Amino acid sequence: QLVESGGGWVQPGGSLRLSCAASGFTVSSYYMKWYRQAPGKERELVAGIVYNYGRTNYGESVKGRFTISRDNAKNTVYLQMNNLEPEDTAVYYCNARDLWGQGTQVTVSS
């Protein structure tokens, strides 16, 4: 099971940190990913962290602004989002293989 939290409303230029708490498996053994889906758009990959060595990858639109990380002791994956833009408004989902969380809404507006 994956449970996301940390979404909310923030003004442009602000920051949020999303959390994805996993149960039933260990996040360090899976390729953990964050996706997002904005209204009327397809779901897109935002960031991923590979199970071995913790290598990370990012979507082009968030490179340099977002950072994915994990805390193995807490079995949780995070997405630190800085310098948020209105275009980042979406529902953010945590994913591991075919397992999805319920999503958390992020709204960026003034």
C-alpha atoms as a PDB file:
ATOM      1  CA  GLN A   1       0.000   0.000   0.000  1.00  0.00           C
ATOM      2  CA  LEU A   2       1.108   3.542  -0.785  1.00  0.00           C
ATOM      3  CA  VAL A   3      -0.240   6.599   1.021  1.00  0.00           C
ATOM      4  CA  GLU A   4       0.629  10.098  -0.186  1.00  0.00           C
ATOM      5  CA  SER A   5       0.435  13.255   1.883  1.00  0.00           C
ATOM      6  CA  GLY A   6       1.716  16.809   1.896  1.00  0.00           C
ATOM      7  CA  GLY A   7      -0.257  18.345  -0.922  1.00  0.00           C
ATOM      8  CA  GLY A   8      -2.030  21.668  -0.653  1.00  0.00           C
ATOM      9  CA  TRP A   9      -2.196  25.191  -1.974  1.00  0.00           C
ATOM     10  CA  VAL A  10       0.876  27.332  -2.421  1.00  0.00           C
ATOM     11  CA  GLN A  11       1.670  30.583  -4.184  1.00  0.00           C
ATOM     12  CA  PRO A  12       3.994  30.640  -7.213  1.00  0.00           C
ATOM     13  CA  GLY A  13       7.594  30.425  -6.089  1.00  0.00           C
ATOM     14  CA  GLY A  14       6.666  28.500  -2.975  1.00  0.00           C
ATOM     15  CA  SER A  15       7.627  25.012  -1.828  1.00  0.00           C
ATOM     16  CA  LEU A  16       5.930  21.812  -0.747  1.00  0.00           C
ATOM     17  CA  ARG A  17       7.192  18.410   0.301  1.00  0.00           C
ATOM     18  CA  LEU A  18       5.161  15.352  -0.594  1.00  0.00           C
ATOM     19  CA  SER A  19       5.488  12.077   1.279  1.00  0.00           C
ATOM     20  CA  CYS A  20       4.706   8.540   0.154  1.00  0.00           C
ATOM     21  CA  ALA A  21       4.552   6.023   2.979  1.00  0.00           C
ATOM     22  CA  ALA A  22       4.810   2.406   1.874  1.00  0.00           C
ATOM     23  CA  SER A  23       3.644  -0.731   3.625  1.00  0.00           C
ATOM     24  CA  GLY A  24       3.931  -4.360   2.640  1.00  0.00           C
ATOM     25  CA  PHE A  25       7.261  -3.922   0.897  1.00  0.00           C
ATOM     26  CA  THR A  26      10.460  -1.934   1.292  1.00  0.00           C
ATOM     27  CA  VAL A  27      10.958   1.164  -0.835  1.00  0.00           C
ATOM     28  CA  SER A  28      14.677   0.470  -1.109  1.00  0.00           C
ATOM     29  CA  SER A  29      13.896  -2.666  -3.140  1.00  0.00           C
ATOM     30  CA  TYR A  30      11.728  -0.981  -5.753  1.00  0.00           C
ATOM     31  CA  TYR A  31      12.011   1.688  -8.399  1.00  0.00           C
ATOM     32  CA  MET A  32       9.849   4.331  -6.742  1.00  0.00           C
ATOM     33  CA  LYS A  33       8.277   7.040  -8.859  1.00  0.00           C
ATOM     34  CA  TRP A  34       6.172  10.169  -8.604  1.00  0.00           C
ATOM     35  CA  TYR A  35       3.696  10.936 -11.360  1.00  0.00           C
ATOM     36  CA  ARG A  36       1.271  13.785 -11.770  1.00  0.00           C
ATOM     37  CA  GLN A  37      -1.894  14.370 -13.737  1.00  0.00           C
ATOM     38  CA  ALA A  38      -3.388  17.762 -14.455  1.00  0.00           C
ATOM     39  CA  PRO A  39      -7.007  18.196 -15.581  1.00  0.00           C
ATOM     40  CA  GLY A  40      -7.390  17.233 -19.216  1.00  0.00           C
ATOM     41  CA  LYS A  41      -3.820  15.984 -19.491  1.00  0.00           C
ATOM     42  CA  GLU A  42      -2.164  12.596 -19.476  1.00  0.00           C
ATOM     43  CA  ARG A  43      -0.351  11.310 -16.425  1.00  0.00           C
ATOM     44  CA  GLU A  44       3.343  12.184 -16.638  1.00  0.00           C
ATOM     45  CA  LEU A  45       6.437  10.962 -14.846  1.00  0.00           C
ATOM     46  CA  VAL A  46       7.825  13.586 -12.482  1.00  0.00           C
ATOM     47  CA  ALA A  47      10.685  11.796 -10.749  1.00  0.00           C
ATOM     48  CA  GLY A  48      12.041   8.364  -9.922  1.00  0.00           C
ATOM     49  CA  ILE A  49      14.562   6.844  -7.568  1.00  0.00           C
ATOM     50  CA  VAL A  50      16.146   3.524  -8.431  1.00  0.00           C
ATOM     51  CA  TYR A  51      16.338   0.783  -5.844  1.00  0.00           C
ATOM     52  CA  ASN A  52      20.095   0.317  -6.054  1.00  0.00           C
ATOM     53  CA  TYR A  53      22.422   3.214  -5.238  1.00  0.00           C
ATOM     54  CA  GLY A  54      19.446   5.563  -5.154  1.00  0.00           C
ATOM     55  CA  ARG A  55      20.074   6.954  -8.630  1.00  0.00           C
ATOM     56  CA  THR A  56      17.423   9.498  -9.576  1.00  0.00           C
ATOM     57  CA  ASN A  57      15.761  10.750 -12.748  1.00  0.00           C
ATOM     58  CA  TYR A  58      13.430  13.695 -13.443  1.00  0.00           C
ATOM     59  CA  GLY A  59      11.006  14.963 -15.998  1.00  0.00           C
ATOM     60  CA  GLU A  60      12.351  17.855 -18.036  1.00  0.00           C
ATOM     61  CA  SER A  61       9.813  20.326 -16.686  1.00  0.00           C
ATOM     62  CA  VAL A  62      10.883  19.824 -13.051  1.00  0.00           C
ATOM     63  CA  LYS A  63      14.648  19.391 -13.346  1.00  0.00           C
ATOM     64  CA  GLY A  64      16.480  21.693 -10.969  1.00  0.00           C
ATOM     65  CA  ARG A  65      13.321  22.418  -8.950  1.00  0.00           C
ATOM     66  CA  PHE A  66      12.181  19.045  -7.622  1.00  0.00           C
ATOM     67  CA  THR A  67      14.152  16.480  -5.633  1.00  0.00           C
ATOM     68  CA  ILE A  68      13.158  12.894  -4.936  1.00  0.00           C
ATOM     69  CA  SER A  69      14.586  11.087  -1.939  1.00  0.00           C
ATOM     70  CA  ARG A  70      13.823   8.196   0.361  1.00  0.00           C
ATOM     71  CA  ASP A  71      14.164   7.350   4.028  1.00  0.00           C
ATOM     72  CA  ASN A  72      14.670   3.614   4.325  1.00  0.00           C
ATOM     73  CA  ALA A  73      14.146   3.663   8.084  1.00  0.00           C
ATOM     74  CA  LYS A  74      10.721   5.242   7.621  1.00  0.00           C
ATOM     75  CA  ASN A  75      10.031   3.281   4.427  1.00  0.00           C
ATOM     76  CA  THR A  76       8.969   6.558   2.842  1.00  0.00           C
ATOM     77  CA  VAL A  77       9.734   8.381  -0.382  1.00  0.00           C
ATOM     78  CA  TYR A  78       9.646  12.176  -0.605  1.00  0.00           C
ATOM     79  CA  LEU A  79       9.287  14.756  -3.327  1.00  0.00           C
ATOM     80  CA  GLN A  80      10.645  18.158  -2.416  1.00  0.00           C
ATOM     81  CA  MET A  81       9.175  20.739  -4.765  1.00  0.00           C
ATOM     82  CA  ASN A  82      10.709  24.213  -4.890  1.00  0.00           C
ATOM     83  CA  ASN A  83      10.012  27.286  -6.997  1.00  0.00           C
ATOM     84  CA  LEU A  84       6.571  25.965  -7.823  1.00  0.00           C
ATOM     85  CA  GLU A  85       4.759  27.251 -10.882  1.00  0.00           C
ATOM     86  CA  PRO A  86       1.050  27.290 -11.755  1.00  0.00           C
ATOM     87  CA  GLU A  87       1.837  24.621 -14.362  1.00  0.00           C
ATOM     88  CA  ASP A  88       2.758  22.266 -11.527  1.00  0.00           C
ATOM     89  CA  THR A  89      -0.877  22.155 -10.422  1.00  0.00           C
ATOM     90  CA  ALA A  90      -1.963  18.515 -10.563  1.00  0.00           C
ATOM     91  CA  VAL A  91      -2.773  15.443  -8.563  1.00  0.00           C
ATOM     92  CA  TYR A  92       0.504  13.769  -7.602  1.00  0.00           C
ATOM     93  CA  TYR A  93       0.713  10.005  -7.346  1.00  0.00           C
ATOM     94  CA  CYS A  94       3.291   7.667  -5.875  1.00  0.00           C
ATOM     95  CA  ASN A  95       3.995   4.470  -7.800  1.00  0.00           C
ATOM     96  CA  ALA A  96       5.869   1.206  -7.376  1.00  0.00           C
ATOM     97  CA  ARG A  97       5.405  -1.305 -10.219  1.00  0.00           C
ATOM     98  CA  ASP A  98       1.620  -1.756 -10.489  1.00  0.00           C
ATOM     99  CA  LEU A  99       0.867  -0.237  -7.093  1.00  0.00           C
ATOM    100  CA  TRP A 100      -0.508   3.328  -6.921  1.00  0.00           C
ATOM    101  CA  GLY A 101      -1.378   5.639  -4.099  1.00  0.00           C
ATOM    102  CA  GLN A 102      -4.633   7.590  -3.911  1.00  0.00           C
ATOM    103  CA  GLY A 103      -2.974  10.830  -4.961  1.00  0.00           C
ATOM    104  CA  THR A 104      -2.544  14.218  -3.320  1.00  0.00           C
ATOM    105  CA  GLN A 105      -3.652  17.508  -4.846  1.00  0.00           C
ATOM    106  CA  VAL A 106      -1.124  20.280  -5.404  1.00  0.00           C
ATOM    107  CA  THR A 107      -2.461  23.692  -6.390  1.00  0.00           C
ATOM    108  CA  VAL A 108      -0.161  26.566  -7.288  1.00  0.00           C
ATOM    109  CA  SER A 109      -1.882  29.906  -7.720  1.00  0.00           C
ATOM    110  CA  SER A 110      -1.827  33.460  -6.527  1.00  0.00           C
END
